[in-house]
C-alpha atoms as a PDB file:
ATOM      1  CA  MET A   1     110.729 100.109 104.605  1.00  0.00           C
ATOM      2  CA  ILE A   2     112.348 103.418 105.637  1.00  0.00           C
ATOM      3  CA  SER A   3     116.128 103.217 105.127  1.00  0.00           C
ATOM      4  CA  TYR A   4     116.935 106.701 106.400  1.00  0.00           C
ATOM      5  CA  LEU A   5     115.420 110.133 107.096  1.00  0.00           C
ATOM      6  CA  LYS A   6     117.084 113.435 106.312  1.00  0.00           C
ATOM      7  CA  GLY A   7     115.643 116.556 107.851  1.00  0.00           C
ATOM      8  CA  ASN A   8     115.900 119.255 110.476  1.00  0.00           C
ATOM      9  CA  VAL A   9     116.229 118.551 114.199  1.00  0.00           C
ATOM     10  CA  ALA A  10     112.881 119.758 115.637  1.00  0.00           C
ATOM     11  CA  GLY A  11     113.305 118.526 119.201  1.00  0.00           C
ATOM     12  CA  ILE A  12     115.096 116.138 121.518  1.00  0.00           C
ATOM     13  CA  TYR A  13     113.870 114.891 124.884  1.00  0.00           C
ATOM     14  CA  ARG A  14     114.612 112.071 127.304  1.00  0.00           C
ATOM     15  CA  ALA A  15     111.694 109.675 127.726  1.00  0.00           C
ATOM     16  CA  SER A  16     113.676 107.912 130.469  1.00  0.00           C
ATOM     17  CA  SER A  17     117.306 107.586 131.562  1.00  0.00           C
ATOM     18  CA  SER A  18     118.052 105.254 128.640  1.00  0.00           C
ATOM     19  CA  ARG A  19     115.507 106.381 126.032  1.00  0.00           C
ATOM     20  CA  VAL A  20     115.970 109.531 123.994  1.00  0.00           C
ATOM     21  CA  ILE A  21     113.405 110.694 121.439  1.00  0.00           C
ATOM     22  CA  LEU A  22     114.506 112.737 118.443  1.00  0.00           C
ATOM     23  CA  THR A  23     111.806 114.606 116.498  1.00  0.00           C
ATOM     24  CA  LEU A  24     112.914 115.092 112.931  1.00  0.00           C
ATOM     25  CA  ASP A  25     111.121 117.494 110.586  1.00  0.00           C
ATOM     26  CA  VAL A  26     111.212 115.974 107.084  1.00  0.00           C
ATOM     27  CA  ASN A  27     109.344 118.170 104.567  1.00  0.00           C
ATOM     28  CA  GLN A  28     107.010 119.477 107.298  1.00  0.00           C
ATOM     29  CA  VAL A  29     106.254 115.988 108.625  1.00  0.00           C
ATOM     30  CA  GLY A  30     107.525 115.274 112.137  1.00  0.00           C
ATOM     31  CA  TYR A  31     108.973 111.828 112.813  1.00  0.00           C
ATOM     32  CA  ASP A  32     109.708 110.591 116.361  1.00  0.00           C
ATOM     33  CA  LEU A  33     112.724 108.304 116.507  1.00  0.00           C
ATOM     34  CA  GLN A  34     114.178 106.556 119.518  1.00  0.00           C
ATOM     35  CA  ILE A  35     117.942 107.061 119.572  1.00  0.00           C
ATOM     36  CA  THR A  36     120.704 106.291 122.068  1.00  0.00           C
ATOM     37  CA  PRO A  37     121.969 108.895 124.537  1.00  0.00           C
ATOM     38  CA  ARG A  38     125.342 108.409 122.818  1.00  0.00           C
ATOM     39  CA  LEU A  39     123.902 109.628 119.479  1.00  0.00           C
ATOM     40  CA  MET A  40     122.158 112.522 121.218  1.00  0.00           C
ATOM     41  CA  GLN A  41     125.601 113.941 122.066  1.00  0.00           C
ATOM     42  CA  GLU A  42     126.536 113.981 118.376  1.00  0.00           C
ATOM     43  CA  LEU A  43     123.434 115.657 116.959  1.00  0.00           C
ATOM     44  CA  PRO A  44     123.566 119.197 115.545  1.00  0.00           C
ATOM     45  CA  ALA A  45     121.591 122.078 117.066  1.00  0.00           C
ATOM     46  CA  ILE A  46     117.831 122.483 116.794  1.00  0.00           C
ATOM     47  CA  GLY A  47     116.908 123.547 113.268  1.00  0.00           C
ATOM     48  CA  GLU A  48     119.994 122.065 111.633  1.00  0.00           C
ATOM     49  CA  THR A  49     119.969 119.209 109.119  1.00  0.00           C
ATOM     50  CA  VAL A  50     120.912 115.627 109.972  1.00  0.00           C
ATOM     51  CA  GLN A  51     120.606 112.217 108.287  1.00  0.00           C
ATOM     52  CA  VAL A  52     119.547 109.323 110.507  1.00  0.00           C
ATOM     53  CA  PHE A  53     119.444 105.654 109.440  1.00  0.00           C
ATOM     54  CA  THR A  54     116.302 103.915 110.635  1.00  0.00           C
ATOM     55  CA  HIS A  55     114.722 100.625 111.619  1.00  0.00           C
ATOM     56  CA  LEU A  56     110.959 100.364 111.913  1.00  0.00           C
ATOM     57  CA  GLN A  57     109.636  97.913 114.489  1.00  0.00           C
ATOM     58  CA  VAL A  58     105.993  96.968 113.959  1.00  0.00           C
ATOM     59  CA  ARG A  59     104.053  95.315 116.768  1.00  0.00           C
ATOM     60  CA  GLU A  60     100.344  94.725 117.260  1.00  0.00           C
ATOM     61  CA  ASP A  61      99.919  97.692 119.569  1.00  0.00           C
ATOM     62  CA  GLN A  62     102.488 100.169 118.244  1.00  0.00           C
ATOM     63  CA  MET A  63     105.166 101.100 115.721  1.00  0.00           C
ATOM     64  CA  VAL A  64     108.558 102.337 116.879  1.00  0.00           C
ATOM     65  CA  LEU A  65     111.136 104.005 114.638  1.00  0.00           C
ATOM     66  CA  PHE A  66     114.729 103.572 115.862  1.00  0.00           C
ATOM     67  CA  GLY A  67     117.415 105.969 114.645  1.00  0.00           C
ATOM     68  CA  PHE A  68     121.163 105.462 114.152  1.00  0.00           C
ATOM     69  CA  GLY A  69     124.042 107.679 113.144  1.00  0.00           C
ATOM     70  CA  ALA A  70     125.549 105.176 110.718  1.00  0.00           C
ATOM     71  CA  MET A  71     124.262 102.405 108.447  1.00  0.00           C
ATOM     72  CA  ALA A  72     126.680  99.895 110.029  1.00  0.00           C
ATOM     73  CA  GLU A  73     125.205 100.654 113.477  1.00  0.00           C
ATOM     74  CA  ARG A  74     121.670 100.133 112.166  1.00  0.00           C
ATOM     75  CA  ASP A  75     122.717  96.832 110.540  1.00  0.00           C
ATOM     76  CA  LEU A  76     124.356  95.608 113.747  1.00  0.00           C
ATOM     77  CA  PHE A  77     121.159  96.518 115.679  1.00  0.00           C
ATOM     78  CA  ARG A  78     119.228  94.287 113.284  1.00  0.00           C
ATOM     79  CA  GLN A  79     121.689  91.454 113.848  1.00  0.00           C
ATOM     80  CA  LEU A  80     121.438  91.847 117.618  1.00  0.00           C
ATOM     81  CA  VAL A  81     117.640  91.677 117.706  1.00  0.00           C
ATOM     82  CA  SER A  82     117.798  88.468 115.645  1.00  0.00           C
ATOM     83  CA  VAL A  83     119.383  86.754 118.636  1.00  0.00           C
ATOM     84  CA  SER A  84     116.896  84.921 120.892  1.00  0.00           C
ATOM     85  CA  GLY A  85     116.303  86.869 124.075  1.00  0.00           C
ATOM     86  CA  VAL A  86     117.603  90.196 122.702  1.00  0.00           C
ATOM     87  CA  GLY A  87     114.900  92.794 122.185  1.00  0.00           C
ATOM     88  CA  PRO A  88     115.282  96.238 120.652  1.00  0.00           C
ATOM     89  CA  GLN A  89     115.759  98.002 123.984  1.00  0.00           C
ATOM     90  CA  LEU A  90     118.564  95.636 124.987  1.00  0.00           C
ATOM     91  CA  ALA A  91     120.197  96.079 121.565  1.00  0.00           C
ATOM     92  CA  MET A  92     120.014  99.843 121.965  1.00  0.00           C
ATOM     93  CA  ALA A  93     121.497  99.565 125.442  1.00  0.00           C
ATOM     94  CA  LEU A  94     124.461  97.571 124.099  1.00  0.00           C
ATOM     95  CA  LEU A  95     125.142 100.116 121.368  1.00  0.00           C
ATOM     96  CA  ASP A  96     124.863 102.978 123.849  1.00  0.00           C
ATOM     97  CA  ALA A  97     127.021 101.411 126.572  1.00  0.00           C
ATOM     98  CA  LEU A  98     129.810 100.112 124.316  1.00  0.00           C
ATOM     99  CA  GLY A  99     129.514 101.829 120.942  1.00  0.00           C
ATOM    100  CA  LEU A 100     129.588 100.195 117.524  1.00  0.00           C
ATOM    101  CA  GLN A 101     133.298  99.314 117.404  1.00  0.00           C
ATOM    102  CA  ASP A 102     133.483  97.774 120.884  1.00  0.00           C
ATOM    103  CA  VAL A 103     130.316  95.669 120.384  1.00  0.00           C
ATOM    104  CA  VAL A 104     131.699  94.297 117.108  1.00  0.00           C
ATOM    105  CA  GLN A 105     135.111  93.552 118.575  1.00  0.00           C
ATOM    106  CA  ALA A 106     133.521  91.887 121.634  1.00  0.00           C
ATOM    107  CA  ILE A 107     131.489  89.626 119.352  1.00  0.00           C
ATOM    108  CA  VAL A 108     134.429  88.751 117.093  1.00  0.00           C
ATOM    109  CA  SER A 109     136.759  88.044 120.017  1.00  0.00           C
ATOM    110  CA  SER A 110     133.983  86.320 122.047  1.00  0.00           C
ATOM    111  CA  ASN A 111     134.563  88.818 124.870  1.00  0.00           C
ATOM    112  CA  THR A 112     131.398  87.944 126.804  1.00  0.00           C
ATOM    113  CA  ARG A 113     132.710  89.753 129.879  1.00  0.00           C
ATOM    114  CA  LEU A 114     132.599  93.064 128.054  1.00  0.00           C
ATOM    115  CA  LEU A 115     129.160  92.407 126.582  1.00  0.00           C
ATOM    116  CA  SER A 116     127.750  91.492 129.990  1.00  0.00           C
ATOM    117  CA  LYS A 117     128.831  94.879 131.421  1.00  0.00           C
ATOM    118  CA  THR A 118     125.701  96.307 129.760  1.00  0.00           C
ATOM    119  CA  PRO A 119     122.787  96.409 132.257  1.00  0.00           C
ATOM    120  CA  GLY A 120     120.330  93.653 131.421  1.00  0.00           C
ATOM    121  CA  VAL A 121     122.843  91.477 129.567  1.00  0.00           C
ATOM    122  CA  GLY A 122     123.549  88.367 131.641  1.00  0.00           C
ATOM    123  CA  ALA A 123     126.332  85.858 131.076  1.00  0.00           C
ATOM    124  CA  LYS A 124     124.105  83.460 129.085  1.00  0.00           C
ATOM    125  CA  THR A 125     122.771  86.219 126.842  1.00  0.00           C
ATOM    126  CA  ALA A 126     126.323  87.481 126.216  1.00  0.00           C
ATOM    127  CA  GLU A 127     127.432  84.005 125.241  1.00  0.00           C
ATOM    128  CA  ARG A 128     124.473  83.596 122.887  1.00  0.00           C
ATOM    129  CA  ILE A 129     125.170  86.960 121.218  1.00  0.00           C
ATOM    130  CA  ALA A 130     128.882  86.185 120.730  1.00  0.00           C
ATOM    131  CA  LEU A 131     128.239  82.665 119.408  1.00  0.00           C
ATOM    132  CA  GLU A 132     125.371  83.433 117.023  1.00  0.00           C
ATOM    133  CA  LEU A 133     126.670  86.718 115.636  1.00  0.00           C
ATOM    134  CA  LYS A 134     130.289  85.647 115.173  1.00  0.00           C
ATOM    135  CA  THR A 135     128.958  82.790 113.020  1.00  0.00           C
ATOM    136  CA  LYS A 136     126.893  85.266 110.976  1.00  0.00           C
ATOM    137  CA  LEU A 137     129.825  87.679 110.575  1.00  0.00           C
ATOM    138  CA  ALA A 138     132.059  84.810 109.420  1.00  0.00           C
ATOM    139  CA  GLU A 139     129.446  83.817 106.804  1.00  0.00           C
ATOM    140  CA  TRP A 140     129.141  87.446 105.709  1.00  0.00           C
ATOM    141  CA  ARG A 141     132.950  87.656 105.276  1.00  0.00           C
ATOM    142  CA  VAL A 142     132.955  84.534 103.076  1.00  0.00           C
ATOM    143  CA  GLN A 143     130.011  85.802 100.996  1.00  0.00           C
ATOM    144  CA  SER A 144     131.697  89.164 100.496  1.00  0.00           C
ATOM    145  CA  GLY A 145     134.576  87.444  98.684  1.00  0.00           C
ATOM    146  CA  LEU A 146     137.131  89.519 100.575  1.00  0.00           C
ATOM    147  CA  SER A 147     140.653  88.597  99.556  1.00  0.00           C
ATOM    148  CA  THR A 148     143.700  90.270 101.089  1.00  0.00           C
ATOM    149  CA  ALA A 149     147.094  90.209  99.403  1.00  0.00           C
ATOM    150  CA  PRO A 150     149.288  87.541 101.136  1.00  0.00           C
ATOM    151  CA  ASP A 151     152.160  90.005 101.642  1.00  0.00           C
ATOM    152  CA  ALA A 152     149.857  92.499 103.361  1.00  0.00           C
ATOM    153  CA  ALA A 153     147.685  90.288 105.500  1.00  0.00           C
ATOM    154  CA  PRO A 154     148.084  89.810 109.235  1.00  0.00           C
ATOM    155  CA  MET A 155     148.944  86.320 110.487  1.00  0.00           C
ATOM    156  CA  SER A 156     146.286  83.864 109.342  1.00  0.00           C
ATOM    157  CA  ASN A 157     145.003  83.208 112.839  1.00  0.00           C
ATOM    158  CA  VAL A 158     143.956  86.840 113.280  1.00  0.00           C
ATOM    159  CA  GLN A 159     143.188  87.796 109.684  1.00  0.00           C
ATOM    160  CA  GLU A 160     139.622  86.521 109.821  1.00  0.00           C
ATOM    161  CA  ASP A 161     138.863  88.443 113.033  1.00  0.00           C
ATOM    162  CA  VAL A 162     140.333  91.649 111.631  1.00  0.00           C
ATOM    163  CA  GLU A 163     138.406  91.414 108.378  1.00  0.00           C
ATOM    164  CA  MET A 164     135.124  90.471 110.063  1.00  0.00           C
ATOM    165  CA  THR A 165     135.415  93.473 112.370  1.00  0.00           C
ATOM    166  CA  LEU A 166     136.166  95.955 109.608  1.00  0.00           C
ATOM    167  CA  LEU A 167     133.354  94.648 107.416  1.00  0.00           C
ATOM    168  CA  ALA A 168     130.894  94.959 110.309  1.00  0.00           C
ATOM    169  CA  LEU A 169     132.038  98.519 110.909  1.00  0.00           C
ATOM    170  CA  GLY A 170     130.918  99.383 107.361  1.00  0.00           C
ATOM    171  CA  TYR A 171     134.204  99.404 105.431  1.00  0.00           C
ATOM    172  CA  THR A 172     134.235  98.008 101.891  1.00  0.00           C
ATOM    173  CA  ASN A 173     136.322  95.102 100.593  1.00  0.00           C
ATOM    174  CA  SER A 174     138.536  97.498  98.674  1.00  0.00           C
ATOM    175  CA  GLU A 175     139.094  99.775 101.688  1.00  0.00           C
ATOM    176  CA  ILE A 176     139.949  96.822 103.909  1.00  0.00           C
ATOM    177  CA  THR A 177     142.424  95.377 101.408  1.00  0.00           C
ATOM    178  CA  LYS A 178     144.170  98.754 100.981  1.00  0.00           C
ATOM    179  CA  ALA A 179     144.271  99.394 104.732  1.00  0.00           C
ATOM    180  CA  LEU A 180     145.733  95.971 105.553  1.00  0.00           C
ATOM    181  CA  ARG A 181     148.312  96.332 102.810  1.00  0.00           C
ATOM    182  CA  ALA A 182     149.382  99.699 104.177  1.00  0.00           C
ATOM    183  CA  VAL A 183     149.399  98.537 107.791  1.00  0.00           C
ATOM    184  CA  GLY A 184     151.191  95.288 106.820  1.00  0.00           C
ATOM    185  CA  GLN A 185     154.176  97.295 105.625  1.00  0.00           C
ATOM    186  CA  GLN A 186     154.891  98.217 109.244  1.00  0.00           C
ATOM    187  CA  THR A 187     157.419  95.529 110.134  1.00  0.00           C
ATOM    188  CA  ALA A 188     156.701  95.658 113.874  1.00  0.00           C
ATOM    189  CA  LEU A 189     152.986  95.130 113.357  1.00  0.00           C
ATOM    190  CA  ALA A 190     153.466  92.473 110.666  1.00  0.00           C
ATOM    191  CA  LYS A 191     154.898  90.136 113.281  1.00  0.00           C
ATOM    192  CA  THR A 192     152.158  90.591 115.869  1.00  0.00           C
ATOM    193  CA  ALA A 193     149.261  88.211 116.390  1.00  0.00           C
ATOM    194  CA  ASP A 194     147.139  90.803 118.167  1.00  0.00           C
ATOM    195  CA  ALA A 195     143.939  91.412 116.161  1.00  0.00           C
ATOM    196  CA  GLU A 196     143.128  94.571 118.139  1.00  0.00           C
ATOM    197  CA  ASP A 197     146.428  96.179 117.114  1.00  0.00           C
ATOM    198  CA  TRP A 198     145.678  95.478 113.468  1.00  0.00           C
ATOM    199  CA  ILE A 199     142.136  96.794 113.775  1.00  0.00           C
ATOM    200  CA  ARG A 200     143.244  99.985 115.568  1.00  0.00           C
ATOM    201  CA  GLU A 201     145.951 100.721 112.977  1.00  0.00           C
ATOM    202  CA  ALA A 202     143.674  99.899 110.022  1.00  0.00           C
ATOM    203  CA  ILE A 203     140.948 102.249 111.334  1.00  0.00           C
ATOM    204  CA  ALA A 204     143.531 104.965 111.922  1.00  0.00           C
ATOM    205  CA  TRP A 205     144.773 104.570 108.317  1.00  0.00           C
ATOM    206  CA  LEU A 206     141.213 104.584 106.948  1.00  0.00           C
ATOM    207  CA  SER A 207     140.396 107.730 108.926  1.00  0.00           C
ATOM    208  CA  GLN A 208     143.215 109.788 107.412  1.00  0.00           C
END
């Protein structure tokens, strides 16, 4: 319903150790959004303008607006809360503890140990998150029609993981194809089967 809000930072306060409330003044209307402590560190000063992507949770007794610094982070939050046993507070805790990139990589690589480092995420919940969301990311990759040039792609056994991760981080098909082509020209990397190396180099190239 509300994709994003753009306005001036009117106030920030900690409701608890893990819950931060951002008050955003949008055309003289104040919106309270729950954000992560991680995002709080990135916000501009009081009175300055910021754009925050949002998710509105509607329950019988209340409505809560969650805020995110990037659309990809908001989309991952929505994927997380679709998993049985994962509520919005647990999803926010995962994004705060690990950050967008590490959560995505943990899901793609089925690194349940990393996911379960977040308070409240037990081994079974971590396994469920990795299993359900990796399947969804794989389906998303197929639906996106992503096709990487054969001479630029990483080894086939890691290509899918690399592409799923970059898509989930918000990069477009065209950006991913160009990045992997550029990275693939590095002969040392072209021979490696380490998805994390490819992801790190691709992000570095895309950030130039």
